[in-house]
Amino acid sequence: HYTMEEIQAVVDEANMVGLPVWSHAEGYEGALNSCKAGVS
């Protein structure tokens, strides 16, 4: 539902203020992109 670019944008913004990101990820592509982007 979100592209890699969209997920990365959220993680980058959260990282700037030290907040973790939780990703609802039921498919492998969403999970993989979330992990690559650096969700917690």
PDB file of all heavy atoms in Angstrom:
ATOM      1  N   HIS A   1       0.802  -1.221   0.000  1.00  0.00           N
ATOM      2  CA  HIS A   1       0.000   0.000   0.000  1.00  0.00           C
ATOM      3  C   HIS A   1       0.833   1.269   0.000  1.00  0.00           C
ATOM      4  O   HIS A   1       0.341   2.317  -0.389  1.00  0.00           O
ATOM      5  CB  HIS A   1      -0.958   0.005   1.192  1.00  0.00           C
ATOM      6  CG  HIS A   1      -2.224  -0.739   0.936  1.00  0.00           C
ATOM      7  ND1 HIS A   1      -3.362  -0.570   1.689  1.00  0.00           N
ATOM      8  CD2 HIS A   1      -2.543  -1.667  -0.011  1.00  0.00           C
ATOM      9  CE1 HIS A   1      -4.321  -1.357   1.228  1.00  0.00           C
ATOM     10  NE2 HIS A   1      -3.842  -2.035   0.209  1.00  0.00           N
ATOM     11  N   TYR A   2       2.054   1.195   0.483  1.00  0.00           N
ATOM     12  CA  TYR A   2       2.957   2.332   0.389  1.00  0.00           C
ATOM     13  C   TYR A   2       4.202   1.903  -0.370  1.00  0.00           C
ATOM     14  O   TYR A   2       4.713   0.792  -0.178  1.00  0.00           O
ATOM     15  CB  TYR A   2       3.360   2.848   1.778  1.00  0.00           C
ATOM     16  CG  TYR A   2       2.422   3.866   2.390  1.00  0.00           C
ATOM     17  CD1 TYR A   2       2.217   3.910   3.764  1.00  0.00           C
ATOM     18  CD2 TYR A   2       1.758   4.805   1.604  1.00  0.00           C
ATOM     19  CE1 TYR A   2       1.371   4.854   4.341  1.00  0.00           C
ATOM     20  CE2 TYR A   2       0.913   5.741   2.168  1.00  0.00           C
ATOM     21  CZ  TYR A   2       0.719   5.760   3.531  1.00  0.00           C
ATOM     22  OH  TYR A   2      -0.123   6.693   4.088  1.00  0.00           O
ATOM     23  N   THR A   3       4.692   2.785  -1.226  1.00  0.00           N
ATOM     24  CA  THR A   3       5.931   2.513  -1.949  1.00  0.00           C
ATOM     25  C   THR A   3       7.126   2.625  -1.004  1.00  0.00           C
ATOM     26  O   THR A   3       7.022   3.185   0.099  1.00  0.00           O
ATOM     27  CB  THR A   3       6.116   3.510  -3.096  1.00  0.00           C
ATOM     28  OG1 THR A   3       6.288   4.828  -2.528  1.00  0.00           O
ATOM     29  CG2 THR A   3       4.911   3.505  -4.031  1.00  0.00           C
ATOM     30  N   MET A   4       8.251   2.132  -1.477  1.00  0.00           N
ATOM     31  CA  MET A   4       9.474   2.261  -0.698  1.00  0.00           C
ATOM     32  C   MET A   4       9.769   3.728  -0.402  1.00  0.00           C
ATOM     33  O   MET A   4      10.171   4.094   0.716  1.00  0.00           O
ATOM     34  CB  MET A   4      10.640   1.624  -1.453  1.00  0.00           C
ATOM     35  CG  MET A   4      11.971   1.686  -0.728  1.00  0.00           C
ATOM     36  SD  MET A   4      11.961   0.667   0.761  1.00  0.00           S
ATOM     37  CE  MET A   4      13.499   1.142   1.523  1.00  0.00           C
ATOM     38  N   GLU A   5       9.554   4.582  -1.378  1.00  0.00           N
ATOM     39  CA  GLU A   5       9.825   6.010  -1.207  1.00  0.00           C
ATOM     40  C   GLU A   5       8.941   6.602  -0.117  1.00  0.00           C
ATOM     41  O   GLU A   5       9.387   7.423   0.697  1.00  0.00           O
ATOM     42  CB  GLU A   5       9.594   6.738  -2.534  1.00  0.00           C
ATOM     43  CG  GLU A   5      10.025   8.199  -2.526  1.00  0.00           C
ATOM     44  CD  GLU A   5       9.798   8.888  -3.856  1.00  0.00           C
ATOM     45  OE1 GLU A   5       9.116   8.303  -4.727  1.00  0.00           O
ATOM     46  OE2 GLU A   5      10.287  10.024  -4.020  1.00  0.00           O
ATOM     47  N   GLU A   6       7.678   6.182  -0.073  1.00  0.00           N
ATOM     48  CA  GLU A   6       6.759   6.699   0.940  1.00  0.00           C
ATOM     49  C   GLU A   6       7.151   6.219   2.339  1.00  0.00           C
ATOM     50  O   GLU A   6       7.159   7.002   3.301  1.00  0.00           O
ATOM     51  CB  GLU A   6       5.327   6.270   0.607  1.00  0.00           C
ATOM     52  CG  GLU A   6       4.747   7.010  -0.601  1.00  0.00           C
ATOM     53  CD  GLU A   6       3.412   6.451  -1.042  1.00  0.00           C
ATOM     54  OE1 GLU A   6       3.292   5.208  -1.148  1.00  0.00           O
ATOM     55  OE2 GLU A   6       2.476   7.241  -1.293  1.00  0.00           O
ATOM     56  N   ILE A   7       7.468   4.925   2.454  1.00  0.00           N
ATOM     57  CA  ILE A   7       7.878   4.390   3.759  1.00  0.00           C
ATOM     58  C   ILE A   7       9.146   5.072   4.247  1.00  0.00           C
ATOM     59  O   ILE A   7       9.260   5.466   5.412  1.00  0.00           O
ATOM     60  CB  ILE A   7       8.083   2.865   3.672  1.00  0.00           C
ATOM     61  CG1 ILE A   7       6.770   2.167   3.313  1.00  0.00           C
ATOM     62  CG2 ILE A   7       8.637   2.308   4.979  1.00  0.00           C
ATOM     63  CD1 ILE A   7       6.928   0.698   2.967  1.00  0.00           C
ATOM     64  N   GLN A   8      10.111   5.243   3.338  1.00  0.00           N
ATOM     65  CA  GLN A   8      11.380   5.870   3.711  1.00  0.00           C
ATOM     66  C   GLN A   8      11.176   7.308   4.168  1.00  0.00           C
ATOM     67  O   GLN A   8      11.838   7.774   5.105  1.00  0.00           O
ATOM     68  CB  GLN A   8      12.354   5.833   2.536  1.00  0.00           C
ATOM     69  CG  GLN A   8      13.786   6.190   2.914  1.00  0.00           C
ATOM     70  CD  GLN A   8      14.419   5.143   3.797  1.00  0.00           C
ATOM     71  OE1 GLN A   8      14.637   4.015   3.376  1.00  0.00           O
ATOM     72  NE2 GLN A   8      14.735   5.509   5.042  1.00  0.00           N
ATOM     73  N   ALA A   9      10.240   8.006   3.532  1.00  0.00           N
ATOM     74  CA  ALA A   9       9.968   9.394   3.921  1.00  0.00           C
ATOM     75  C   ALA A   9       9.486   9.466   5.372  1.00  0.00           C
ATOM     76  O   ALA A   9       9.921  10.333   6.142  1.00  0.00           O
ATOM     77  CB  ALA A   9       8.921  10.001   2.983  1.00  0.00           C
ATOM     78  N   VAL A  10       8.593   8.551   5.759  1.00  0.00           N
ATOM     79  CA  VAL A  10       8.090   8.533   7.131  1.00  0.00           C
ATOM     80  C   VAL A  10       9.210   8.221   8.113  1.00  0.00           C
ATOM     81  O   VAL A  10       9.367   8.889   9.149  1.00  0.00           O
ATOM     82  CB  VAL A  10       6.946   7.506   7.274  1.00  0.00           C
ATOM     83  CG1 VAL A  10       6.542   7.360   8.738  1.00  0.00           C
ATOM     84  CG2 VAL A  10       5.748   7.916   6.430  1.00  0.00           C
ATOM     85  N   VAL A  11      10.009   7.207   7.794  1.00  0.00           N
ATOM     86  CA  VAL A  11      11.103   6.814   8.690  1.00  0.00           C
ATOM     87  C   VAL A  11      12.116   7.941   8.831  1.00  0.00           C
ATOM     88  O   VAL A  11      12.582   8.237   9.939  1.00  0.00           O
ATOM     89  CB  VAL A  11      11.778   5.525   8.189  1.00  0.00           C
ATOM     90  CG1 VAL A  11      13.028   5.213   9.006  1.00  0.00           C
ATOM     91  CG2 VAL A  11      10.804   4.353   8.255  1.00  0.00           C
ATOM     92  N   ASP A  12      12.460   8.582   7.731  1.00  0.00           N
ATOM     93  CA  ASP A  12      13.427   9.680   7.786  1.00  0.00           C
ATOM     94  C   ASP A  12      12.930  10.820   8.682  1.00  0.00           C
ATOM     95  O   ASP A  12      13.697  11.382   9.475  1.00  0.00           O
ATOM     96  CB  ASP A  12      13.716  10.208   6.383  1.00  0.00           C
ATOM     97  CG  ASP A  12      14.559   9.245   5.555  1.00  0.00           C
ATOM     98  OD1 ASP A  12      15.084   8.279   6.133  1.00  0.00           O
ATOM     99  OD2 ASP A  12      14.671   9.455   4.331  1.00  0.00           O
ATOM    100  N   GLU A  13      11.645  11.169   8.542  1.00  0.00           N
ATOM    101  CA  GLU A  13      11.094  12.243   9.367  1.00  0.00           C
ATOM    102  C   GLU A  13      11.098  11.855  10.844  1.00  0.00           C
ATOM    103  O   GLU A  13      11.439  12.665  11.714  1.00  0.00           O
ATOM    104  CB  GLU A  13       9.667  12.577   8.914  1.00  0.00           C
ATOM    105  CG  GLU A  13       9.593  13.326   7.596  1.00  0.00           C
ATOM    106  CD  GLU A  13      10.176  14.718   7.672  1.00  0.00           C
ATOM    107  OE1 GLU A  13      10.083  15.375   8.730  1.00  0.00           O
ATOM    108  OE2 GLU A  13      10.745  15.174   6.662  1.00  0.00           O
ATOM    109  N   ALA A  14      10.703  10.619  11.116  1.00  0.00           N
ATOM    110  CA  ALA A  14      10.680  10.161  12.502  1.00  0.00           C
ATOM    111  C   ALA A  14      12.085  10.107  13.091  1.00  0.00           C
ATOM    112  O   ALA A  14      12.305  10.470  14.258  1.00  0.00           O
ATOM    113  CB  ALA A  14      10.011   8.790  12.588  1.00  0.00           C
ATOM    114  N   ASN A  15      13.050   9.655  12.289  1.00  0.00           N
ATOM    115  CA  ASN A  15      14.430   9.563  12.764  1.00  0.00           C
ATOM    116  C   ASN A  15      14.988  10.917  13.172  1.00  0.00           C
ATOM    117  O   ASN A  15      15.804  11.014  14.107  1.00  0.00           O
ATOM    118  CB  ASN A  15      15.321   8.949  11.679  1.00  0.00           C
ATOM    119  CG  ASN A  15      15.179   7.444  11.597  1.00  0.00           C
ATOM    120  OD1 ASN A  15      14.617   6.801  12.481  1.00  0.00           O
ATOM    121  ND2 ASN A  15      15.695   6.865  10.511  1.00  0.00           N
ATOM    122  N   MET A  16      14.555  11.981  12.495  1.00  0.00           N
ATOM    123  CA  MET A  16      15.087  13.303  12.806  1.00  0.00           C
ATOM    124  C   MET A  16      14.736  13.750  14.219  1.00  0.00           C
ATOM    125  O   MET A  16      15.428  14.589  14.801  1.00  0.00           O
ATOM    126  CB  MET A  16      14.587  14.324  11.777  1.00  0.00           C
ATOM    127  CG  MET A  16      15.295  14.219  10.434  1.00  0.00           C
ATOM    128  SD  MET A  16      15.028  15.656   9.369  1.00  0.00           S
ATOM    129  CE  MET A  16      13.340  15.405   8.848  1.00  0.00           C
ATOM    130  N   VAL A  17      13.660  13.178  14.781  1.00  0.00           N
ATOM    131  CA  VAL A  17      13.274  13.550  16.145  1.00  0.00           C
ATOM    132  C   VAL A  17      13.336  12.356  17.092  1.00  0.00           C
ATOM    133  O   VAL A  17      12.862  12.421  18.233  1.00  0.00           O
ATOM    134  CB  VAL A  17      11.850  14.170  16.167  1.00  0.00           C
ATOM    135  CG1 VAL A  17      11.856  15.525  15.489  1.00  0.00           C
ATOM    136  CG2 VAL A  17      10.832  13.243  15.521  1.00  0.00           C
ATOM    137  N   GLY A  18      13.919  11.264  16.625  1.00  0.00           N
ATOM    138  CA  GLY A  18      14.156  10.119  17.491  1.00  0.00           C
ATOM    139  C   GLY A  18      12.932   9.291  17.830  1.00  0.00           C
ATOM    140  O   GLY A  18      12.897   8.632  18.877  1.00  0.00           O
ATOM    141  N   LEU A  19      11.918   9.296  16.953  1.00  0.00           N
ATOM    142  CA  LEU A  19      10.718   8.504  17.207  1.00  0.00           C
ATOM    143  C   LEU A  19      10.768   7.186  16.433  1.00  0.00           C
ATOM    144  O   LEU A  19      11.171   7.162  15.267  1.00  0.00           O
ATOM    145  CB  LEU A  19       9.460   9.265  16.794  1.00  0.00           C
ATOM    146  CG  LEU A  19       9.052  10.465  17.634  1.00  0.00           C
ATOM    147  CD1 LEU A  19       7.720  11.018  17.138  1.00  0.00           C
ATOM    148  CD2 LEU A  19       8.950  10.108  19.108  1.00  0.00           C
ATOM    149  N   PRO A  20      10.336   6.093  17.051  1.00  0.00           N
ATOM    150  CA  PRO A  20      10.254   4.821  16.328  1.00  0.00           C
ATOM    151  C   PRO A  20       9.065   4.807  15.373  1.00  0.00           C
ATOM    152  O   PRO A  20       8.088   5.538  15.565  1.00  0.00           O
ATOM    153  CB  PRO A  20      10.067   3.792  17.445  1.00  0.00           C
ATOM    154  CG  PRO A  20       9.420   4.547  18.551  1.00  0.00           C
ATOM    155  CD  PRO A  20       9.953   5.957  18.464  1.00  0.00           C
ATOM    156  N   VAL A  21       9.162   3.971  14.353  1.00  0.00           N
ATOM    157  CA  VAL A  21       8.062   3.775  13.403  1.00  0.00           C
ATOM    158  C   VAL A  21       7.629   2.314  13.471  1.00  0.00           C
ATOM    159  O   VAL A  21       8.448   1.411  13.379  1.00  0.00           O
ATOM    160  CB  VAL A  21       8.487   4.132  11.961  1.00  0.00           C
ATOM    161  CG1 VAL A  21       7.354   3.821  10.973  1.00  0.00           C
ATOM    162  CG2 VAL A  21       8.886   5.601  11.869  1.00  0.00           C
ATOM    163  N   TRP A  22       6.328   2.111  13.634  1.00  0.00           N
ATOM    164  CA  TRP A  22       5.748   0.771  13.641  1.00  0.00           C
ATOM    165  C   TRP A  22       5.019   0.563  12.322  1.00  0.00           C
ATOM    166  O   TRP A  22       4.177   1.372  11.936  1.00  0.00           O
ATOM    167  CB  TRP A  22       4.760   0.591  14.789  1.00  0.00           C
ATOM    168  CG  TRP A  22       5.294   0.947  16.142  1.00  0.00           C
ATOM    169  CD1 TRP A  22       6.602   0.971  16.550  1.00  0.00           C
ATOM    170  CD2 TRP A  22       4.520   1.354  17.282  1.00  0.00           C
ATOM    171  NE1 TRP A  22       6.696   1.349  17.856  1.00  0.00           N
ATOM    172  CE2 TRP A  22       5.433   1.586  18.343  1.00  0.00           C
ATOM    173  CE3 TRP A  22       3.161   1.522  17.517  1.00  0.00           C
ATOM    174  CZ2 TRP A  22       5.006   2.001  19.607  1.00  0.00           C
ATOM    175  CZ3 TRP A  22       2.739   1.925  18.774  1.00  0.00           C
ATOM    176  CH2 TRP A  22       3.659   2.159  19.803  1.00  0.00           C
ATOM    177  N   SER A  23       5.333  -0.523  11.639  1.00  0.00           N
ATOM    178  CA  SER A  23       4.748  -0.774  10.324  1.00  0.00           C
ATOM    179  C   SER A  23       3.827  -1.985  10.344  1.00  0.00           C
ATOM    180  O   SER A  23       4.256  -3.105  10.626  1.00  0.00           O
ATOM    181  CB  SER A  23       5.851  -0.999   9.286  1.00  0.00           C
ATOM    182  OG  SER A  23       5.297  -1.315   8.019  1.00  0.00           O
ATOM    183  N   HIS A  24       2.554  -1.743  10.055  1.00  0.00           N
ATOM    184  CA  HIS A  24       1.610  -2.824   9.767  1.00  0.00           C
ATOM    185  C   HIS A  24       2.022  -3.406   8.421  1.00  0.00           C
ATOM    186  O   HIS A  24       1.939  -2.732   7.394  1.00  0.00           O
ATOM    187  CB  HIS A  24       0.182  -2.243   9.715  1.00  0.00           C
ATOM    188  CG  HIS A  24      -0.845  -3.144   9.104  1.00  0.00           C
ATOM    189  ND1 HIS A  24      -1.930  -3.635   9.813  1.00  0.00           N
ATOM    190  CD2 HIS A  24      -1.001  -3.619   7.844  1.00  0.00           C
ATOM    191  CE1 HIS A  24      -2.675  -4.373   9.025  1.00  0.00           C
ATOM    192  NE2 HIS A  24      -2.133  -4.375   7.820  1.00  0.00           N
ATOM    193  N   ALA A  25       2.478  -4.657   8.430  1.00  0.00           N
ATOM    194  CA  ALA A  25       3.025  -5.258   7.212  1.00  0.00           C
ATOM    195  C   ALA A  25       2.608  -6.722   7.150  1.00  0.00           C
ATOM    196  O   ALA A  25       3.211  -7.578   7.788  1.00  0.00           O
ATOM    197  CB  ALA A  25       4.543  -5.134   7.179  1.00  0.00           C
ATOM    198  N   GLU A  26       1.571  -7.005   6.366  1.00  0.00           N
ATOM    199  CA  GLU A  26       1.071  -8.378   6.274  1.00  0.00           C
ATOM    200  C   GLU A  26       1.592  -9.108   5.045  1.00  0.00           C
ATOM    201  O   GLU A  26       1.514 -10.339   4.989  1.00  0.00           O
ATOM    202  CB  GLU A  26      -0.457  -8.367   6.305  1.00  0.00           C
ATOM    203  CG  GLU A  26      -1.005  -7.697   7.562  1.00  0.00           C
ATOM    204  CD  GLU A  26      -2.402  -8.146   7.912  1.00  0.00           C
ATOM    205  OE1 GLU A  26      -2.674  -9.351   7.832  1.00  0.00           O
ATOM    206  OE2 GLU A  26      -3.224  -7.281   8.254  1.00  0.00           O
ATOM    207  N   GLY A  27       2.091  -8.405   4.063  1.00  0.00           N
ATOM    208  CA  GLY A  27       2.709  -9.022   2.897  1.00  0.00           C
ATOM    209  C   GLY A  27       4.219  -8.891   2.969  1.00  0.00           C
ATOM    210  O   GLY A  27       4.750  -7.973   3.593  1.00  0.00           O
ATOM    211  N   TYR A  28       4.936  -9.813   2.301  1.00  0.00           N
ATOM    212  CA  TYR A  28       6.394  -9.823   2.439  1.00  0.00           C
ATOM    213  C   TYR A  28       7.031  -8.576   1.848  1.00  0.00           C
ATOM    214  O   TYR A  28       8.040  -8.078   2.354  1.00  0.00           O
ATOM    215  CB  TYR A  28       6.976 -11.094   1.815  1.00  0.00           C
ATOM    216  CG  TYR A  28       7.134 -11.066   0.320  1.00  0.00           C
ATOM    217  CD1 TYR A  28       8.309 -10.607  -0.266  1.00  0.00           C
ATOM    218  CD2 TYR A  28       6.111 -11.500  -0.525  1.00  0.00           C
ATOM    219  CE1 TYR A  28       8.457 -10.567  -1.644  1.00  0.00           C
ATOM    220  CE2 TYR A  28       6.260 -11.468  -1.905  1.00  0.00           C
ATOM    221  CZ  TYR A  28       7.420 -10.999  -2.460  1.00  0.00           C
ATOM    222  OH  TYR A  28       7.560 -10.956  -3.815  1.00  0.00           O
ATOM    223  N   GLU A  29       6.466  -8.025   0.760  1.00  0.00           N
ATOM    224  CA  GLU A  29       7.090  -6.846   0.140  1.00  0.00           C
ATOM    225  C   GLU A  29       6.989  -5.628   1.053  1.00  0.00           C
ATOM    226  O   GLU A  29       7.946  -4.873   1.212  1.00  0.00           O
ATOM    227  CB  GLU A  29       6.442  -6.559  -1.216  1.00  0.00           C
ATOM    228  CG  GLU A  29       7.201  -5.513  -2.025  1.00  0.00           C
ATOM    229  CD  GLU A  29       6.654  -5.334  -3.423  1.00  0.00           C
ATOM    230  OE1 GLU A  29       5.626  -5.970  -3.758  1.00  0.00           O
ATOM    231  OE2 GLU A  29       7.241  -4.547  -4.190  1.00  0.00           O
ATOM    232  N   GLY A  30       5.822  -5.453   1.692  1.00  0.00           N
ATOM    233  CA  GLY A  30       5.672  -4.351   2.631  1.00  0.00           C
ATOM    234  C   GLY A  30       6.596  -4.490   3.827  1.00  0.00           C
ATOM    235  O   GLY A  30       7.188  -3.515   4.294  1.00  0.00           O
ATOM    236  N   ALA A  31       6.735  -5.734   4.306  1.00  0.00           N
ATOM    237  CA  ALA A  31       7.638  -5.972   5.440  1.00  0.00           C
ATOM    238  C   ALA A  31       9.086  -5.733   5.045  1.00  0.00           C
ATOM    239  O   ALA A  31       9.847  -5.100   5.801  1.00  0.00           O
ATOM    240  CB  ALA A  31       7.453  -7.400   5.951  1.00  0.00           C
ATOM    241  N   LEU A  32       9.468  -6.235   3.883  1.00  0.00           N
ATOM    242  CA  LEU A  32      10.850  -6.082   3.440  1.00  0.00           C
ATOM    243  C   LEU A  32      11.196  -4.613   3.226  1.00  0.00           C
ATOM    244  O   LEU A  32      12.246  -4.132   3.679  1.00  0.00           O
ATOM    245  CB  LEU A  32      11.081  -6.878   2.157  1.00  0.00           C
ATOM    246  CG  LEU A  32      12.502  -6.850   1.595  1.00  0.00           C
ATOM    247  CD1 LEU A  32      13.503  -7.389   2.604  1.00  0.00           C
ATOM    248  CD2 LEU A  32      12.572  -7.650   0.288  1.00  0.00           C
ATOM    249  N   ASN A  33      10.329  -3.872   2.557  1.00  0.00           N
ATOM    250  CA  ASN A  33      10.589  -2.451   2.347  1.00  0.00           C
ATOM    251  C   ASN A  33      10.648  -1.692   3.678  1.00  0.00           C
ATOM    252  O   ASN A  33      11.473  -0.800   3.861  1.00  0.00           O
ATOM    253  CB  ASN A  33       9.503  -1.840   1.463  1.00  0.00           C
ATOM    254  CG  ASN A  33       9.646  -2.226  -0.002  1.00  0.00           C
ATOM    255  OD1 ASN A  33      10.666  -2.788  -0.403  1.00  0.00           O
ATOM    256  ND2 ASN A  33       8.631  -1.945  -0.796  1.00  0.00           N
ATOM    257  N   SER A  34       9.769  -2.064   4.611  1.00  0.00           N
ATOM    258  CA  SER A  34       9.767  -1.413   5.920  1.00  0.00           C
ATOM    259  C   SER A  34      11.073  -1.659   6.658  1.00  0.00           C
ATOM    260  O   SER A  34      11.643  -0.746   7.268  1.00  0.00           O
ATOM    261  CB  SER A  34       8.584  -1.921   6.752  1.00  0.00           C
ATOM    262  OG  SER A  34       7.348  -1.554   6.172  1.00  0.00           O
ATOM    263  N   CYS A  35      11.556  -2.903   6.594  1.00  0.00           N
ATOM    264  CA  CYS A  35      12.816  -3.228   7.268  1.00  0.00           C
ATOM    265  C   CYS A  35      13.997  -2.513   6.621  1.00  0.00           C
ATOM    266  O   CYS A  35      14.873  -1.988   7.308  1.00  0.00           O
ATOM    267  CB  CYS A  35      13.036  -4.731   7.273  1.00  0.00           C
ATOM    268  SG  CYS A  35      11.899  -5.620   8.362  1.00  0.00           S
ATOM    269  N   LYS A  36      14.021  -2.482   5.303  1.00  0.00           N
ATOM    270  CA  LYS A  36      15.091  -1.773   4.599  1.00  0.00           C
ATOM    271  C   LYS A  36      15.080  -0.283   4.957  1.00  0.00           C
ATOM    272  O   LYS A  36      16.137   0.342   5.091  1.00  0.00           O
ATOM    273  CB  LYS A  36      14.946  -1.958   3.093  1.00  0.00           C
ATOM    274  CG  LYS A  36      15.318  -3.345   2.585  1.00  0.00           C
ATOM    275  CD  LYS A  36      15.143  -3.428   1.069  1.00  0.00           C
ATOM    276  CE  LYS A  36      15.600  -4.775   0.530  1.00  0.00           C
ATOM    277  NZ  LYS A  36      15.408  -4.880  -0.945  1.00  0.00           N
ATOM    278  N   ALA A  37      13.876   0.280   5.107  1.00  0.00           N
ATOM    279  CA  ALA A  37      13.760   1.705   5.420  1.00  0.00           C
ATOM    280  C   ALA A  37      14.189   2.011   6.850  1.00  0.00           C
ATOM    281  O   ALA A  37      14.558   3.145   7.161  1.00  0.00           O
ATOM    282  CB  ALA A  37      12.324   2.168   5.189  1.00  0.00           C
ATOM    283  N   GLY A  38      14.089   1.000   7.744  1.00  0.00           N
ATOM    284  CA  GLY A  38      14.557   1.204   9.106  1.00  0.00           C
ATOM    285  C   GLY A  38      13.470   1.407  10.144  1.00  0.00           C
ATOM    286  O   GLY A  38      13.693   2.103  11.142  1.00  0.00           O
ATOM    287  N   VAL A  39      12.292   0.793   9.939  1.00  0.00           N
ATOM    288  CA  VAL A  39      11.278   0.862  10.993  1.00  0.00           C
ATOM    289  C   VAL A  39      11.789   0.133  12.236  1.00  0.00           C
ATOM    290  O   VAL A  39      12.732  -0.652  12.170  1.00  0.00           O
ATOM    291  CB  VAL A  39       9.934   0.240  10.526  1.00  0.00           C
ATOM    292  CG1 VAL A  39       9.426   0.934   9.272  1.00  0.00           C
ATOM    293  CG2 VAL A  39      10.041  -1.265  10.309  1.00  0.00           C
ATOM    294  N   SER A  40      11.149   0.364  13.372  1.00  0.00           N
ATOM    295  CA  SER A  40      11.598  -0.294  14.598  1.00  0.00           C
ATOM    296  C   SER A  40      10.775  -1.522  14.941  1.00  0.00           C
ATOM    297  O   SER A  40      11.193  -2.324  15.783  1.00  0.00           O
ATOM    298  CB  SER A  40      11.567   0.686  15.773  1.00  0.00           C
ATOM    299  OG  SER A  40      10.243   0.986  16.131  1.00  0.00           O
TER     300      SER A  40
END
